[in-house]
Structures are given as C-alpha cells and as structure tokens.
Amino acid sequence: MANMRYKNAYPHAAHGLLDVLRWKLGLGPPEVSVFPPGDPSPRKAVNFAPVTANLHQPDPGRVQVTWIGHSTFLIQHRGRNILTDPIFGNCDPLPLARLRRAAPPGVPLAALPPIHDVLISHCHYDHLDVAAIKHFGNQAAYWVPSGLTGWFQKRGLTRCRELAWGESAPFAEGIEIHCVPAQHFAARTPFDRNQTHWCGWVLRSPSRSVYFAGDTGYCPGFKEIGERFGGFDLAMIPIGAYQPRWFMHPMHVNPAEAVQIHLDVRSRQSVACHWGTFALTDEPLDEPPRHLAAALALHQIPPETFRALAFGEALVI
C-alpha cells in the first residue's frame, strides 16, 4: 500500500514545478478582480468575536459550531466535542511569512472543553498539524481518510480510525459518521504525493446532519452528496485560497463555487472556512467574504444562510 496513488473522482491535470514557478514569477494569465483596487495587503485584519458561547455545557440536542480559524471548528452535539483539522499555531514546515497566522485562534487551546474526536480531511500541513495532534495525544479519537493511519501510529497514537470514500461507521452514541469524496490532492513532502487520500465528513444523528467539506475544488460530486444524504442542517464549506484562479481552481473553490456547493448539498445553514488565517495564496485575507456576499446576492440567497463567522463566533443549529 505504500506506493498506492489515490485519485479524484473527476481527474484533472496535476500542476508541476514549472507551474509553481509561473505562479510565483507572475507569468500566468492575467487575473481580473470584480472589486476596485483597494488595500493590497494579504494580511489585513479579520474580525474577532468574544467567545460568548457555552463551550462546556452546550445544548446536547442541538449542534453548536464555533469557528476557531482556517478549517478548525469546534462542533458540539449530543455530549461530543469534535474538532475539525485542528491547527492553533503557525503552518509548518517552513518559516515563511505566509505560513504564519495572521490572527490568533478564536478559541485558545486552554479554553477548549475536553476533546473527544478529531476529524482530519487530509495530510496538508494547514490541516494536519503535528503540534495540535501532540497536544491532544491519545485522549482524542482520530478519524482519517484512507492511507493516513500510519502517520498517527508512527507518533504513538493508537485511537485512529480510517475510512474510505463511501464508508460509514458508528461514531458515538446516537451519531454515525460517513467519509465522502472531495476534489483535492495530498502530500507532505516532494516524494509522497497522493499516497494518502483526502475527504469530507458527514455526521448524522436522529435530529441533526452536519457536513464538513474539508479542502476541495468544485466538481459534480457535491450534487451526489446532497442526493445521498438528503441535505444538511449545517455545512462547513471553504471559501478562500483561490487566486491565481488558473492555478488554484482544481483544488480550491472560490466563493462563487462555494455557494454552488451550498446549493448542491442542500445545506440549510452554511458557514465559511479556509480563509482569513493564513496568506496561502494571492487574494487579500479579507476578500473572500466580500466575494461570498456578491455570489449569494447573485443567487438571491439570504446572506444569513451562508455566513463568514468572526474568529471565535458560534452558531447554534
């Protein structure tokens, strides 16, 4: 299995080193912004919200979701405290300015309730963070896509459950978990590309359904997810890291495509992720919510049904 290469359901040509150089040297096709020129800084501040949600005694019959930053959410339902793709520090492995947090976590590690479960969407450093995993250790159970168990075992972590696309399992009392496709890729070094898989996650109880899209480009698979599960009470959908579009579109949706995912999966309430925390790509950090608002208006979707939360802000569904 060590040499297995995982694939997308809707394949696309992979970008190579020459494409990266074209991007970094500004030699790609011109990008046209829908906004007039403004502050070009990619590290413009993003709003914070005081953490007023009850993180230690939430209503067990509802879903409480708190955005910590990037793709890290605290999901609380039926007595379970669940983190998605936890990262609380800077993005390894290189000490580049782009990989440093533009803002601290919306909820500090010390303020978290005991974490029961961690959902990992894929192995990229901004989604699978060594420092965060070491912090939680074996006190948490880890749910990972195909091929990723070995990474945890090498670090002495034994409470790891691996699921392939389309597989399901009991998650906790009254909750089931489903591994669903995403459109992305995986690598932690130049030599292990696509040796582990990438995914989204679905959690379902008798009263609530939750979808975490992970990190993804757009593809027809989201309509299939919506049809399979009949819609969701809550969806967490990425909106950032999309410029330059010629380079990023196979792996990262832009806000307009995020709105299409919201429609495809039949989400009743969506919240945005993968923005405002790390300057991974060329768009300013505060731009994605403005694009999101424009896309929602174009579709005549009420803006409160797909929100870009402030750091530390919570919703109860």
Protein backbone atom coordinates (compact mmCIF):
# COMPACT_ATOMS: atom_id res chain seq x y z
CA MET A 1 0.00 0.00 0.00
CA ALA A 2 2.98 2.34 0.49
CA ASN A 3 3.17 3.11 -3.25
CA MET A 4 -0.57 3.44 -3.83
CA ARG A 5 -1.65 6.64 -5.51
CA TYR A 6 -5.10 7.95 -4.68
CA LYS A 7 -7.14 9.82 -7.26
CA ASN A 8 -10.01 12.23 -7.63
CA ALA A 9 -13.35 11.00 -8.91
CA TYR A 10 -13.14 13.81 -11.50
CA PRO A 11 -9.45 13.85 -12.54
CA HIS A 12 -7.58 16.95 -13.62
CA ALA A 13 -4.02 17.59 -14.75
CA ALA A 14 -1.63 17.99 -11.84
CA HIS A 15 0.40 21.18 -11.52
CA GLY A 16 4.15 20.66 -11.59
CA LEU A 17 7.17 22.69 -10.52
CA LEU A 18 7.09 24.77 -13.70
CA ASP A 19 3.51 25.82 -12.94
CA VAL A 20 4.53 26.84 -9.42
CA LEU A 21 7.34 28.95 -10.88
CA ARG A 22 4.93 30.56 -13.37
CA TRP A 23 2.66 31.48 -10.46
CA LYS A 24 5.42 32.85 -8.25
CA LEU A 25 7.00 34.81 -11.10
CA GLY A 26 3.64 36.24 -12.17
CA LEU A 27 3.80 34.62 -15.61
CA GLY A 28 0.33 33.10 -15.63
CA PRO A 29 -2.77 34.51 -17.35
CA PRO A 30 -3.96 37.89 -16.01
CA GLU A 31 -6.44 37.82 -13.14
CA VAL A 32 -9.47 40.09 -13.25
CA SER A 33 -10.94 41.19 -9.90
CA VAL A 34 -14.61 42.09 -9.53
CA PHE A 35 -13.63 44.65 -6.90
CA PRO A 36 -11.93 48.01 -7.44
CA PRO A 37 -8.30 48.25 -6.28
CA GLY A 38 -8.05 48.59 -2.53
CA ASP A 39 -5.66 47.64 0.24
CA PRO A 40 -3.28 45.15 -1.42
CA SER A 41 -2.07 43.76 1.89
CA PRO A 42 -2.67 39.99 2.16
CA ARG A 43 -2.65 40.28 5.97
CA LYS A 44 -5.47 42.72 6.56
CA ALA A 45 -7.13 42.09 9.92
CA VAL A 46 -10.18 39.84 10.15
CA ASN A 47 -12.83 40.41 12.80
CA PHE A 48 -12.86 38.72 16.18
CA ALA A 49 -15.92 37.91 18.25
CA PRO A 50 -15.80 37.47 22.02
CA VAL A 51 -16.36 33.81 22.85
CA THR A 52 -19.78 34.02 24.47
CA ALA A 53 -20.99 30.52 23.55
CA ASN A 54 -21.20 28.00 26.36
CA LEU A 55 -18.35 25.72 25.30
CA HIS A 56 -18.56 23.49 28.37
CA GLN A 57 -22.31 22.92 28.63
CA PRO A 58 -23.89 23.33 25.18
CA ASP A 59 -27.41 22.11 24.46
CA PRO A 60 -26.86 18.41 23.63
CA GLY A 61 -29.95 18.25 21.43
CA ARG A 62 -28.66 20.93 19.05
CA VAL A 63 -25.42 21.48 17.15
CA GLN A 64 -23.15 24.26 18.36
CA VAL A 65 -20.36 25.15 15.95
CA THR A 66 -17.56 27.61 16.76
CA TRP A 67 -15.06 28.85 14.17
CA ILE A 68 -11.56 28.79 15.64
CA GLY A 69 -9.80 29.73 12.40
CA HIS A 70 -8.87 28.37 8.97
CA SER A 71 -10.60 24.95 8.75
CA THR A 72 -10.69 24.39 12.51
CA PHE A 73 -14.17 24.22 14.03
CA LEU A 74 -15.39 23.02 17.38
CA ILE A 75 -18.57 21.02 16.75
CA GLN A 76 -20.63 20.08 19.81
CA HIS A 77 -23.60 17.71 19.67
CA ARG A 78 -25.07 15.04 21.95
CA GLY A 79 -22.29 15.46 24.50
CA ARG A 80 -19.42 15.13 22.00
CA ASN A 81 -16.74 17.79 21.48
CA ILE A 82 -15.35 17.42 17.98
CA LEU A 83 -12.55 19.35 16.25
CA THR A 84 -12.02 19.56 12.51
CA ASP A 85 -8.49 19.86 11.05
CA PRO A 86 -7.07 21.45 14.23
CA ILE A 87 -4.26 23.98 13.92
CA PHE A 88 -3.60 26.51 16.68
CA GLY A 89 -0.13 27.75 15.76
CA ASN A 90 1.69 28.57 12.56
CA CYS A 91 1.70 26.40 9.47
CA ASP A 92 4.74 24.13 9.20
CA PRO A 93 7.15 23.17 7.80
CA LEU A 94 8.88 26.33 6.50
CA PRO A 95 9.30 29.60 8.48
CA LEU A 96 7.72 31.74 5.76
CA ALA A 97 5.71 34.87 6.49
CA ARG A 98 2.79 33.47 4.50
CA LEU A 99 2.65 30.45 6.80
CA ARG A 100 2.41 32.49 9.99
CA ARG A 101 -1.02 33.11 11.45
CA ALA A 102 -2.48 36.48 10.58
CA ALA A 103 -4.60 36.22 13.75
CA PRO A 104 -4.56 34.04 16.86
CA PRO A 105 -7.11 31.23 17.24
CA GLY A 106 -10.65 32.34 18.03
CA VAL A 107 -10.64 29.90 20.95
CA PRO A 108 -7.27 29.24 22.65
CA LEU A 109 -6.27 25.68 23.39
CA ALA A 110 -6.58 26.31 27.12
CA ALA A 111 -10.21 27.38 26.75
CA LEU A 112 -11.36 24.26 24.91
CA PRO A 113 -13.54 21.67 26.60
CA PRO A 114 -12.18 18.08 26.63
CA ILE A 115 -11.95 16.95 23.01
CA HIS A 116 -13.48 13.56 22.24
CA ASP A 117 -12.92 13.34 18.48
CA VAL A 118 -10.78 14.93 15.76
CA LEU A 119 -11.77 14.81 12.07
CA ILE A 120 -8.87 15.09 9.60
CA SER A 121 -9.69 15.85 5.96
CA HIS A 122 -6.18 15.29 4.52
CA CYS A 123 -2.48 15.48 5.28
CA HIS A 124 -1.52 19.03 4.21
CA TYR A 125 0.28 20.99 6.91
CA ASP A 126 -2.51 23.53 7.37
CA HIS A 127 -4.96 20.66 8.09
CA LEU A 128 -2.82 18.03 9.82
CA ASP A 129 -0.67 19.88 12.35
CA VAL A 130 1.89 17.97 14.43
CA ALA A 131 1.77 20.36 17.39
CA ALA A 132 -2.02 20.14 17.71
CA ILE A 133 -2.03 16.36 17.39
CA LYS A 134 0.68 16.03 20.04
CA HIS A 135 -1.35 18.27 22.34
CA PHE A 136 -4.44 16.04 22.18
CA GLY A 137 -2.49 12.78 22.08
CA ASN A 138 -4.49 9.64 22.80
CA GLN A 139 -7.16 11.50 24.75
CA ALA A 140 -8.96 12.02 21.42
CA ALA A 141 -10.11 9.59 18.74
CA TYR A 142 -8.90 10.46 15.23
CA TRP A 143 -10.97 9.90 12.09
CA VAL A 144 -8.86 9.97 8.93
CA PRO A 145 -9.14 9.16 5.20
CA SER A 146 -7.54 6.12 3.57
CA GLY A 147 -3.80 5.67 3.98
CA LEU A 148 -3.29 8.11 6.84
CA THR A 149 -3.38 5.76 9.85
CA GLY A 150 0.35 5.06 9.61
CA TRP A 151 1.20 8.72 10.20
CA PHE A 152 -0.56 8.55 13.56
CA GLN A 153 0.84 5.16 14.51
CA LYS A 154 4.40 6.41 13.99
CA ARG A 155 3.66 9.03 16.66
CA GLY A 156 2.31 6.51 19.16
CA LEU A 157 -1.33 7.43 18.58
CA THR A 158 -3.49 4.32 18.74
CA ARG A 159 -7.03 5.72 18.67
CA CYS A 160 -7.17 6.21 14.92
CA ARG A 161 -9.97 5.04 12.62
CA GLU A 162 -9.52 5.12 8.87
CA LEU A 163 -12.46 5.26 6.45
CA ALA A 164 -12.52 5.19 2.66
CA TRP A 165 -14.85 7.22 0.50
CA GLY A 166 -18.37 5.85 0.86
CA GLU A 167 -17.68 4.05 4.14
CA SER A 168 -19.63 4.68 7.34
CA ALA A 169 -19.21 3.76 10.99
CA PRO A 170 -20.80 4.30 14.40
CA PHE A 171 -19.25 7.48 15.76
CA ALA A 172 -20.72 7.86 19.23
CA GLU A 173 -23.98 7.04 20.91
CA GLY A 174 -26.68 8.22 18.53
CA ILE A 175 -24.26 9.56 15.90
CA GLU A 176 -22.93 7.96 12.72
CA ILE A 177 -20.01 9.15 10.58
CA HIS A 178 -19.59 8.96 6.81
CA CYS A 179 -16.48 9.57 4.70
CA VAL A 180 -17.35 11.41 1.48
CA PRO A 181 -15.32 12.49 -1.55
CA ALA A 182 -13.54 15.81 -2.01
CA GLN A 183 -11.65 17.15 -5.03
CA HIS A 184 -8.08 17.77 -3.89
CA PHE A 185 -4.66 16.11 -3.51
CA ALA A 186 -2.29 15.05 -0.72
CA ALA A 187 1.41 15.50 0.05
CA ARG A 188 3.66 16.38 2.99
CA THR A 189 6.95 16.05 1.09
CA PRO A 190 8.00 16.18 -2.58
CA PHE A 191 8.07 12.37 -2.58
CA ASP A 192 4.69 11.23 -1.20
CA ARG A 193 2.14 12.87 -3.47
CA ASN A 194 -1.27 11.20 -3.25
CA GLN A 195 -0.07 8.28 -1.13
CA THR A 196 -2.88 9.15 1.29
CA HIS A 197 -6.41 10.20 0.43
CA TRP A 198 -8.48 13.34 1.11
CA CYS A 199 -12.13 13.57 2.06
CA GLY A 200 -15.06 15.37 3.60
CA TRP A 201 -17.01 14.15 6.62
CA VAL A 202 -20.70 13.77 7.42
CA LEU A 203 -22.06 13.39 10.95
CA ARG A 204 -25.70 12.34 11.41
CA SER A 205 -27.86 11.87 14.47
CA PRO A 206 -31.64 11.39 14.62
CA SER A 207 -32.10 15.17 14.91
CA ARG A 208 -29.20 16.80 13.01
CA SER A 209 -26.99 16.33 9.95
CA VAL A 210 -23.61 18.07 9.57
CA TYR A 211 -21.25 18.22 6.60
CA PHE A 212 -17.57 19.28 6.72
CA ALA A 213 -16.28 19.66 3.16
CA GLY A 214 -12.58 19.68 4.06
CA ASP A 215 -10.40 21.24 1.35
CA THR A 216 -11.68 20.95 -2.19
CA GLY A 217 -12.11 22.18 -5.71
CA TYR A 218 -15.50 22.13 -7.35
CA CYS A 219 -16.87 19.01 -9.07
CA PRO A 220 -20.24 17.31 -9.74
CA GLY A 221 -19.69 15.11 -6.68
CA PHE A 222 -21.36 17.63 -4.40
CA LYS A 223 -24.73 17.06 -6.02
CA GLU A 224 -24.23 13.36 -5.39
CA ILE A 225 -23.53 14.06 -1.71
CA GLY A 226 -26.66 16.18 -1.47
CA GLU A 227 -28.75 13.45 -3.09
CA ARG A 228 -27.29 10.70 -0.91
CA PHE A 229 -27.93 12.43 2.41
CA GLY A 230 -30.98 14.50 1.51
CA GLY A 231 -29.45 17.79 2.60
CA PHE A 232 -27.82 19.08 5.78
CA ASP A 233 -28.74 21.22 8.73
CA LEU A 234 -25.19 22.60 8.75
CA ALA A 235 -22.35 22.65 6.21
CA MET A 236 -18.81 23.96 6.65
CA ILE A 237 -17.54 25.00 3.21
CA PRO A 238 -14.17 26.56 2.21
CA ILE A 239 -14.19 29.97 0.51
CA GLY A 240 -10.50 31.01 0.42
CA ALA A 241 -7.08 30.30 -1.15
CA TYR A 242 -8.36 30.65 -4.73
CA GLN A 243 -6.02 33.12 -6.51
CA PRO A 244 -4.50 32.88 -9.06
CA ARG A 245 -7.52 31.09 -10.45
CA TRP A 246 -5.68 29.36 -13.30
CA PHE A 247 -3.53 27.58 -10.73
CA MET A 248 -5.90 27.06 -7.80
CA HIS A 249 -9.21 26.10 -9.41
CA PRO A 250 -8.62 22.29 -9.48
CA MET A 251 -8.00 22.15 -5.72
CA HIS A 252 -9.63 25.22 -4.06
CA VAL A 253 -13.11 26.59 -4.67
CA ASN A 254 -13.67 30.31 -4.87
CA PRO A 255 -16.65 31.87 -3.04
CA ALA A 256 -18.95 31.59 -6.07
CA GLU A 257 -18.22 27.86 -6.28
CA ALA A 258 -18.67 27.57 -2.51
CA VAL A 259 -22.20 28.96 -2.95
CA GLN A 260 -22.80 26.33 -5.62
CA ILE A 261 -21.67 23.64 -3.16
CA HIS A 262 -24.10 25.10 -0.60
CA LEU A 263 -26.87 24.62 -3.18
CA ASP A 264 -25.65 21.22 -4.39
CA VAL A 265 -25.51 19.63 -0.94
CA ARG A 266 -28.84 21.24 0.02
CA SER A 267 -27.46 22.95 3.10
CA ARG A 268 -29.94 24.83 5.24
CA GLN A 269 -27.16 26.72 7.06
CA SER A 270 -23.57 27.03 5.87
CA VAL A 271 -20.52 28.63 7.44
CA ALA A 272 -17.30 29.56 5.66
CA CYS A 273 -13.83 28.19 6.38
CA HIS A 274 -10.32 28.10 4.88
CA TRP A 275 -9.94 31.89 4.84
CA GLY A 276 -8.63 34.76 6.96
CA THR A 277 -5.94 32.83 8.83
CA PHE A 278 -3.00 32.05 6.52
CA ALA A 279 -1.98 34.03 3.43
CA LEU A 280 -1.52 30.89 1.38
CA THR A 281 -2.43 32.43 -1.97
CA ASP A 282 -2.65 35.80 -3.69
CA GLU A 283 -6.03 37.23 -2.66
CA PRO A 284 -6.17 39.56 0.39
CA LEU A 285 -7.26 37.76 3.54
CA ASP A 286 -10.44 39.81 3.90
CA GLU A 287 -11.57 39.41 0.27
CA PRO A 288 -13.36 36.01 0.35
CA PRO A 289 -16.37 37.19 2.44
CA ARG A 290 -16.94 40.06 0.01
CA HIS A 291 -16.99 37.64 -2.92
CA LEU A 292 -19.27 35.36 -0.88
CA ALA A 293 -21.76 38.18 -0.30
CA ALA A 294 -21.78 39.03 -4.01
CA ALA A 295 -22.34 35.39 -5.01
CA LEU A 296 -25.19 34.97 -2.52
CA ALA A 297 -26.85 38.14 -3.85
CA LEU A 298 -26.50 36.88 -7.44
CA HIS A 299 -28.38 33.69 -6.48
CA GLN A 300 -30.87 35.65 -4.35
CA ILE A 301 -29.89 33.57 -1.32
CA PRO A 302 -30.45 35.23 2.08
CA PRO A 303 -26.98 36.14 3.40
CA GLU A 304 -27.69 34.72 6.86
CA THR A 305 -27.92 31.21 5.38
CA PHE A 306 -24.20 31.19 4.43
CA ARG A 307 -22.12 33.13 6.91
CA ALA A 308 -18.47 34.02 7.24
CA LEU A 309 -18.14 33.98 11.02
CA ALA A 310 -15.74 36.10 13.02
CA PHE A 311 -12.94 34.27 14.85
CA GLY A 312 -14.47 32.74 17.97
CA GLU A 313 -18.06 33.23 16.80
CA ALA A 314 -20.53 30.39 17.35
CA LEU A 315 -23.83 29.32 15.84
CA VAL A 316 -26.38 27.00 17.38
CA ILE A 317 -28.43 24.95 14.91
